[in-house]
Amino acid sequence: MKIGILALQGAFEEHAKVLDKLGVSSIQIRNLDDYQQHQSDLVGLILPGGESTTMGKLLRDQNMLLPIREAILSGLPVFGTCAGLILLAKEIASQEESHLGIMDIVVERNAYGRQLGSFYTEAECKGVGKIPMTFIRGPIISSVGEGVEILATVDEQIVAAQEQNMLVTSFHPELTDDARLHQYFINMCKEKS
């Protein structure tokens, strides 16, 4: 079982450490060659936190946007955290263009403000339990489509959701010692493989 982690920018190392702790091997995807070389082995893909505009540009520059989009549309499980959530969203408020544009959600970037908007809390996450949540200039999901299940809210804002093979969080589960959300994603990957 091997999970790919998009390693263009952002918190990809932290995700790799969590997967390692859970006994799951990962491969860092830095370019189209990496992706094509390992594509048939991957049971899932993590899109980490970081800077969504930069990641979107690099995905386009590396010609990876369409192959990754097609793989997800074909059922590859994907876990997008923070910037990864923004990459997956069909619509980004106050922005004309989306990136992968496949999850039926509308997101607001930096909804909690700049660095001062970073905070830590604990909240209930459906199917997982009460978990720690670290927000770093996190986006919020302002609305969801019919097929999207809301998994967690904080202060009445949607911060975690799932639509079929796509799991997203506004926060960074890789920055805590609690690996249950990654285990939830691993279970999604096992069901698909």
C-alpha atoms as a PDB file:
ATOM      1  CA  MET A   1       0.000   0.000   0.000  1.00  0.00           C
ATOM      2  CA  LYS A   2       1.520   3.286  -1.138  1.00  0.00           C
ATOM      3  CA  ILE A   3       0.093   6.801  -0.808  1.00  0.00           C
ATOM      4  CA  GLY A   4       1.397   9.670  -2.916  1.00  0.00           C
ATOM      5  CA  ILE A   5       2.010  13.075  -1.359  1.00  0.00           C
ATOM      6  CA  LEU A   6       2.140  16.115  -3.612  1.00  0.00           C
ATOM      7  CA  ALA A   7       5.545  17.591  -2.728  1.00  0.00           C
ATOM      8  CA  LEU A   8       5.661  20.806  -4.750  1.00  0.00           C
ATOM      9  CA  GLN A   9       5.544  23.050  -1.698  1.00  0.00           C
ATOM     10  CA  GLY A  10       4.082  23.068   1.817  1.00  0.00           C
ATOM     11  CA  ALA A  11       3.748  20.507   4.637  1.00  0.00           C
ATOM     12  CA  PHE A  12       4.398  17.301   2.666  1.00  0.00           C
ATOM     13  CA  GLU A  13       7.163  15.996   5.010  1.00  0.00           C
ATOM     14  CA  GLU A  14       4.802  16.171   7.991  1.00  0.00           C
ATOM     15  CA  HIS A  15       2.220  14.017   6.184  1.00  0.00           C
ATOM     16  CA  ALA A  16       4.936  11.491   5.283  1.00  0.00           C
ATOM     17  CA  LYS A  17       5.898  11.222   8.973  1.00  0.00           C
ATOM     18  CA  VAL A  18       2.293  10.515  10.014  1.00  0.00           C
ATOM     19  CA  LEU A  19       1.902   7.812   7.331  1.00  0.00           C
ATOM     20  CA  ASP A  20       5.218   6.289   8.411  1.00  0.00           C
ATOM     21  CA  LYS A  21       4.000   6.228  12.031  1.00  0.00           C
ATOM     22  CA  LEU A  22       0.911   4.340  10.808  1.00  0.00           C
ATOM     23  CA  GLY A  23       3.038   1.835   8.889  1.00  0.00           C
ATOM     24  CA  VAL A  24       2.037   3.069   5.430  1.00  0.00           C
ATOM     25  CA  SER A  25       4.670   3.864   2.812  1.00  0.00           C
ATOM     26  CA  SER A  26       4.472   7.096   0.875  1.00  0.00           C
ATOM     27  CA  ILE A  27       6.055   8.558  -2.212  1.00  0.00           C
ATOM     28  CA  GLN A  28       6.665  12.258  -2.733  1.00  0.00           C
ATOM     29  CA  ILE A  29       5.364  13.499  -6.072  1.00  0.00           C
ATOM     30  CA  ARG A  30       7.488  16.429  -7.297  1.00  0.00           C
ATOM     31  CA  ASN A  31       6.889  16.326 -11.053  1.00  0.00           C
ATOM     32  CA  LEU A  32       5.038  14.524 -13.829  1.00  0.00           C
ATOM     33  CA  ASP A  33       7.741  11.831 -14.096  1.00  0.00           C
ATOM     34  CA  ASP A  34       7.359  10.976 -10.377  1.00  0.00           C
ATOM     35  CA  TYR A  35       3.608  10.814 -10.796  1.00  0.00           C
ATOM     36  CA  GLN A  36       3.643   8.671 -13.941  1.00  0.00           C
ATOM     37  CA  GLN A  37       6.299   6.342 -12.540  1.00  0.00           C
ATOM     38  CA  HIS A  38       4.269   5.589  -9.391  1.00  0.00           C
ATOM     39  CA  GLN A  39       0.703   6.174 -10.590  1.00  0.00           C
ATOM     40  CA  SER A  40      -0.210   2.483 -10.898  1.00  0.00           C
ATOM     41  CA  ASP A  41       1.073   1.765  -7.344  1.00  0.00           C
ATOM     42  CA  LEU A  42      -0.821   4.586  -5.624  1.00  0.00           C
ATOM     43  CA  VAL A  43      -3.912   3.784  -3.567  1.00  0.00           C
ATOM     44  CA  GLY A  44      -4.379   7.411  -2.533  1.00  0.00           C
ATOM     45  CA  LEU A  45      -3.012  10.943  -2.801  1.00  0.00           C
ATOM     46  CA  ILE A  46      -2.494  13.689  -0.204  1.00  0.00           C
ATOM     47  CA  LEU A  47      -2.580  17.358  -1.224  1.00  0.00           C
ATOM     48  CA  PRO A  48      -0.878  19.133   1.699  1.00  0.00           C
ATOM     49  CA  GLY A  49      -1.224  22.574   3.210  1.00  0.00           C
ATOM     50  CA  GLY A  50       0.930  25.375   1.870  1.00  0.00           C
ATOM     51  CA  GLU A  51       0.196  28.111  -0.662  1.00  0.00           C
ATOM     52  CA  SER A  52      -2.632  27.109  -2.998  1.00  0.00           C
ATOM     53  CA  THR A  53      -1.851  29.690  -5.706  1.00  0.00           C
ATOM     54  CA  THR A  54       1.780  28.537  -5.890  1.00  0.00           C
ATOM     55  CA  MET A  55       0.756  24.866  -5.909  1.00  0.00           C
ATOM     56  CA  GLY A  56      -1.835  25.472  -8.611  1.00  0.00           C
ATOM     57  CA  LYS A  57       0.751  27.252 -10.765  1.00  0.00           C
ATOM     58  CA  LEU A  58       3.330  24.479 -10.244  1.00  0.00           C
ATOM     59  CA  LEU A  59       0.733  21.783 -11.060  1.00  0.00           C
ATOM     60  CA  ARG A  60       0.066  23.584 -14.343  1.00  0.00           C
ATOM     61  CA  ASP A  61       3.758  24.244 -15.082  1.00  0.00           C
ATOM     62  CA  GLN A  62       4.604  20.562 -14.436  1.00  0.00           C
ATOM     63  CA  ASN A  63       1.633  19.388 -16.584  1.00  0.00           C
ATOM     64  CA  MET A  64       0.263  17.465 -13.587  1.00  0.00           C
ATOM     65  CA  LEU A  65      -3.082  19.224 -13.134  1.00  0.00           C
ATOM     66  CA  LEU A  66      -5.026  17.195 -15.725  1.00  0.00           C
ATOM     67  CA  PRO A  67      -3.561  13.723 -14.965  1.00  0.00           C
ATOM     68  CA  ILE A  68      -4.211  14.174 -11.219  1.00  0.00           C
ATOM     69  CA  ARG A  69      -7.693  15.541 -11.902  1.00  0.00           C
ATOM     70  CA  GLU A  70      -8.499  12.542 -14.114  1.00  0.00           C
ATOM     71  CA  ALA A  71      -7.196  10.070 -11.510  1.00  0.00           C
ATOM     72  CA  ILE A  72      -9.379  11.605  -8.775  1.00  0.00           C
ATOM     73  CA  LEU A  73     -12.415  11.690 -11.075  1.00  0.00           C
ATOM     74  CA  SER A  74     -11.723   7.992 -11.788  1.00  0.00           C
ATOM     75  CA  GLY A  75     -11.938   7.244  -8.060  1.00  0.00           C
ATOM     76  CA  LEU A  76      -8.424   7.712  -6.617  1.00  0.00           C
ATOM     77  CA  PRO A  77      -8.934   8.666  -2.939  1.00  0.00           C
ATOM     78  CA  VAL A  78      -7.539  12.124  -2.167  1.00  0.00           C
ATOM     79  CA  PHE A  79      -7.019  13.981   1.112  1.00  0.00           C
ATOM     80  CA  GLY A  80      -6.656  17.758   0.832  1.00  0.00           C
ATOM     81  CA  THR A  81      -5.569  19.749   3.881  1.00  0.00           C
ATOM     82  CA  CYS A  82      -5.795  23.568   3.957  1.00  0.00           C
ATOM     83  CA  ALA A  83      -4.299  24.550   0.560  1.00  0.00           C
ATOM     84  CA  GLY A  84      -5.142  21.034  -0.688  1.00  0.00           C
ATOM     85  CA  LEU A  85      -8.795  21.747   0.110  1.00  0.00           C
ATOM     86  CA  ILE A  86      -8.585  24.920  -1.992  1.00  0.00           C
ATOM     87  CA  LEU A  87      -7.014  22.979  -4.896  1.00  0.00           C
ATOM     88  CA  LEU A  88      -9.943  20.534  -4.915  1.00  0.00           C
ATOM     89  CA  ALA A  89     -12.771  23.095  -4.596  1.00  0.00           C
ATOM     90  CA  LYS A  90     -15.056  23.725  -7.572  1.00  0.00           C
ATOM     91  CA  GLU A  91     -15.291  27.371  -6.595  1.00  0.00           C
ATOM     92  CA  ILE A  92     -12.980  29.751  -4.740  1.00  0.00           C
ATOM     93  CA  ALA A  93     -14.748  32.895  -3.481  1.00  0.00           C
ATOM     94  CA  SER A  94     -13.373  36.157  -4.946  1.00  0.00           C
ATOM     95  CA  GLN A  95     -11.309  34.244  -7.502  1.00  0.00           C
ATOM     96  CA  GLU A  96     -12.329  33.553 -11.088  1.00  0.00           C
ATOM     97  CA  GLU A  97     -10.391  30.362 -11.651  1.00  0.00           C
ATOM     98  CA  SER A  98     -10.330  27.167  -9.627  1.00  0.00           C
ATOM     99  CA  HIS A  99      -7.475  24.643  -9.766  1.00  0.00           C
ATOM    100  CA  LEU A 100      -8.527  20.963  -9.893  1.00  0.00           C
ATOM    101  CA  GLY A 101     -12.127  22.168  -9.491  1.00  0.00           C
ATOM    102  CA  ILE A 102     -13.770  18.827  -8.736  1.00  0.00           C
ATOM    103  CA  MET A 103     -15.197  18.853  -5.203  1.00  0.00           C
ATOM    104  CA  ASP A 104     -18.652  20.419  -4.941  1.00  0.00           C
ATOM    105  CA  ILE A 105     -17.698  23.057  -2.372  1.00  0.00           C
ATOM    106  CA  VAL A 106     -17.160  26.812  -2.274  1.00  0.00           C
ATOM    107  CA  VAL A 107     -14.160  27.936  -0.215  1.00  0.00           C
ATOM    108  CA  GLU A 108     -12.975  31.244   1.157  1.00  0.00           C
ATOM    109  CA  ARG A 109      -9.185  31.552   1.276  1.00  0.00           C
ATOM    110  CA  ASN A 110      -7.551  32.925   4.441  1.00  0.00           C
ATOM    111  CA  ALA A 111     -11.006  33.113   6.007  1.00  0.00           C
ATOM    112  CA  TYR A 112      -9.473  33.333   9.464  1.00  0.00           C
ATOM    113  CA  GLY A 113      -7.212  36.222   8.496  1.00  0.00           C
ATOM    114  CA  ARG A 114      -3.449  36.338   8.219  1.00  0.00           C
ATOM    115  CA  GLN A 115      -0.982  34.898  10.752  1.00  0.00           C
ATOM    116  CA  LEU A 116      -3.082  36.211  13.651  1.00  0.00           C
ATOM    117  CA  GLY A 117      -5.863  33.996  12.331  1.00  0.00           C
ATOM    118  CA  SER A 118      -3.880  30.897  13.265  1.00  0.00           C
ATOM    119  CA  PHE A 119      -5.272  28.983  16.226  1.00  0.00           C
ATOM    120  CA  TYR A 120      -5.721  25.584  17.842  1.00  0.00           C
ATOM    121  CA  THR A 121      -8.935  23.965  19.029  1.00  0.00           C
ATOM    122  CA  GLU A 122     -10.546  20.567  19.495  1.00  0.00           C
ATOM    123  CA  ALA A 123     -13.825  19.569  17.882  1.00  0.00           C
ATOM    124  CA  GLU A 124     -15.882  16.551  16.950  1.00  0.00           C
ATOM    125  CA  CYS A 125     -15.213  15.024  13.529  1.00  0.00           C
ATOM    126  CA  LYS A 126     -17.809  12.586  12.211  1.00  0.00           C
ATOM    127  CA  GLY A 127     -16.475   9.034  11.936  1.00  0.00           C
ATOM    128  CA  VAL A 128     -13.318   9.940  13.896  1.00  0.00           C
ATOM    129  CA  GLY A 129     -14.249  11.500  17.259  1.00  0.00           C
ATOM    130  CA  LYS A 130     -13.025  14.633  19.023  1.00  0.00           C
ATOM    131  CA  ILE A 131      -9.722  15.628  17.452  1.00  0.00           C
ATOM    132  CA  PRO A 132      -7.156  18.429  17.780  1.00  0.00           C
ATOM    133  CA  MET A 133      -7.268  20.988  14.983  1.00  0.00           C
ATOM    134  CA  THR A 134      -4.450  23.376  14.092  1.00  0.00           C
ATOM    135  CA  PHE A 135      -5.503  26.227  11.811  1.00  0.00           C
ATOM    136  CA  ILE A 136      -2.897  28.323   9.983  1.00  0.00           C
ATOM    137  CA  ARG A 137      -4.581  31.049   7.924  1.00  0.00           C
ATOM    138  CA  GLY A 138      -7.074  28.323   7.097  1.00  0.00           C
ATOM    139  CA  PRO A 139      -9.809  28.505   4.505  1.00  0.00           C
ATOM    140  CA  ILE A 140     -13.427  27.779   5.365  1.00  0.00           C
ATOM    141  CA  ILE A 141     -15.981  25.913   3.312  1.00  0.00           C
ATOM    142  CA  SER A 142     -18.752  28.467   2.861  1.00  0.00           C
ATOM    143  CA  SER A 143     -21.149  26.071   1.101  1.00  0.00           C
ATOM    144  CA  VAL A 144     -21.393  22.453   0.020  1.00  0.00           C
ATOM    145  CA  GLY A 145     -23.218  20.670  -2.779  1.00  0.00           C
ATOM    146  CA  GLU A 146     -25.824  17.960  -2.321  1.00  0.00           C
ATOM    147  CA  GLY A 147     -23.404  15.004  -2.347  1.00  0.00           C
ATOM    148  CA  VAL A 148     -20.986  16.497   0.196  1.00  0.00           C
ATOM    149  CA  GLU A 149     -21.052  15.293   3.797  1.00  0.00           C
ATOM    150  CA  ILE A 150     -20.025  17.807   6.457  1.00  0.00           C
ATOM    151  CA  LEU A 151     -17.680  16.063   8.910  1.00  0.00           C
ATOM    152  CA  ALA A 152     -16.727  18.912  11.259  1.00  0.00           C
ATOM    153  CA  THR A 153     -17.597  22.497  12.113  1.00  0.00           C
ATOM    154  CA  VAL A 154     -15.903  25.064  14.343  1.00  0.00           C
ATOM    155  CA  ASP A 155     -17.853  28.173  15.385  1.00  0.00           C
ATOM    156  CA  GLU A 156     -20.554  27.172  12.872  1.00  0.00           C
ATOM    157  CA  GLN A 157     -18.022  27.199  10.011  1.00  0.00           C
ATOM    158  CA  ILE A 158     -17.462  24.012   7.962  1.00  0.00           C
ATOM    159  CA  VAL A 159     -13.867  22.829   8.446  1.00  0.00           C
ATOM    160  CA  ALA A 160     -13.979  19.186   7.236  1.00  0.00           C
ATOM    161  CA  ALA A 161     -16.020  17.453   4.552  1.00  0.00           C
ATOM    162  CA  GLN A 162     -16.131  14.403   2.314  1.00  0.00           C
ATOM    163  CA  GLU A 163     -17.543  13.809  -1.143  1.00  0.00           C
ATOM    164  CA  GLN A 164     -17.147  10.211  -2.290  1.00  0.00           C
ATOM    165  CA  ASN A 165     -13.358   9.641  -2.634  1.00  0.00           C
ATOM    166  CA  MET A 166     -12.435  13.226  -1.633  1.00  0.00           C
ATOM    167  CA  LEU A 167     -11.682  14.182   1.984  1.00  0.00           C
ATOM    168  CA  VAL A 168     -10.794  17.763   2.953  1.00  0.00           C
ATOM    169  CA  THR A 169      -9.923  19.741   6.075  1.00  0.00           C
ATOM    170  CA  SER A 170      -9.321  23.458   6.660  1.00  0.00           C
ATOM    171  CA  PHE A 171      -6.888  22.552   9.416  1.00  0.00           C
ATOM    172  CA  HIS A 172      -3.580  20.663   9.542  1.00  0.00           C
ATOM    173  CA  PRO A 173      -4.027  17.184  11.094  1.00  0.00           C
ATOM    174  CA  GLU A 174      -0.396  16.428  10.222  1.00  0.00           C
ATOM    175  CA  LEU A 175       0.771  19.018  12.783  1.00  0.00           C
ATOM    176  CA  THR A 176      -0.646  17.146  15.797  1.00  0.00           C
ATOM    177  CA  ASP A 177       0.176  13.786  17.385  1.00  0.00           C
ATOM    178  CA  ASP A 178      -3.336  12.523  16.633  1.00  0.00           C
ATOM    179  CA  ALA A 179      -3.220  10.288  13.542  1.00  0.00           C
ATOM    180  CA  ARG A 180      -6.895   9.259  13.482  1.00  0.00           C
ATOM    181  CA  LEU A 181      -7.841  11.429  10.500  1.00  0.00           C
ATOM    182  CA  HIS A 182      -4.969   9.977   8.474  1.00  0.00           C
ATOM    183  CA  GLN A 183      -6.163   6.512   9.542  1.00  0.00           C
ATOM    184  CA  TYR A 184      -9.662   7.463   8.344  1.00  0.00           C
ATOM    185  CA  PHE A 185      -8.130   8.350   4.960  1.00  0.00           C
ATOM    186  CA  ILE A 186      -6.099   5.109   4.878  1.00  0.00           C
ATOM    187  CA  ASN A 187      -9.358   3.209   5.465  1.00  0.00           C
ATOM    188  CA  MET A 188     -10.910   5.087   2.517  1.00  0.00           C
ATOM    189  CA  CYS A 189      -7.935   3.983   0.386  1.00  0.00           C
ATOM    190  CA  LYS A 190      -8.297   0.345   1.505  1.00  0.00           C
ATOM    191  CA  GLU A 191     -11.984   0.366   0.568  1.00  0.00           C
ATOM    192  CA  LYS A 192     -11.145   1.610  -2.938  1.00  0.00           C
ATOM    193  CA  SER A 193      -8.207  -0.720  -3.593  1.00  0.00           C
END
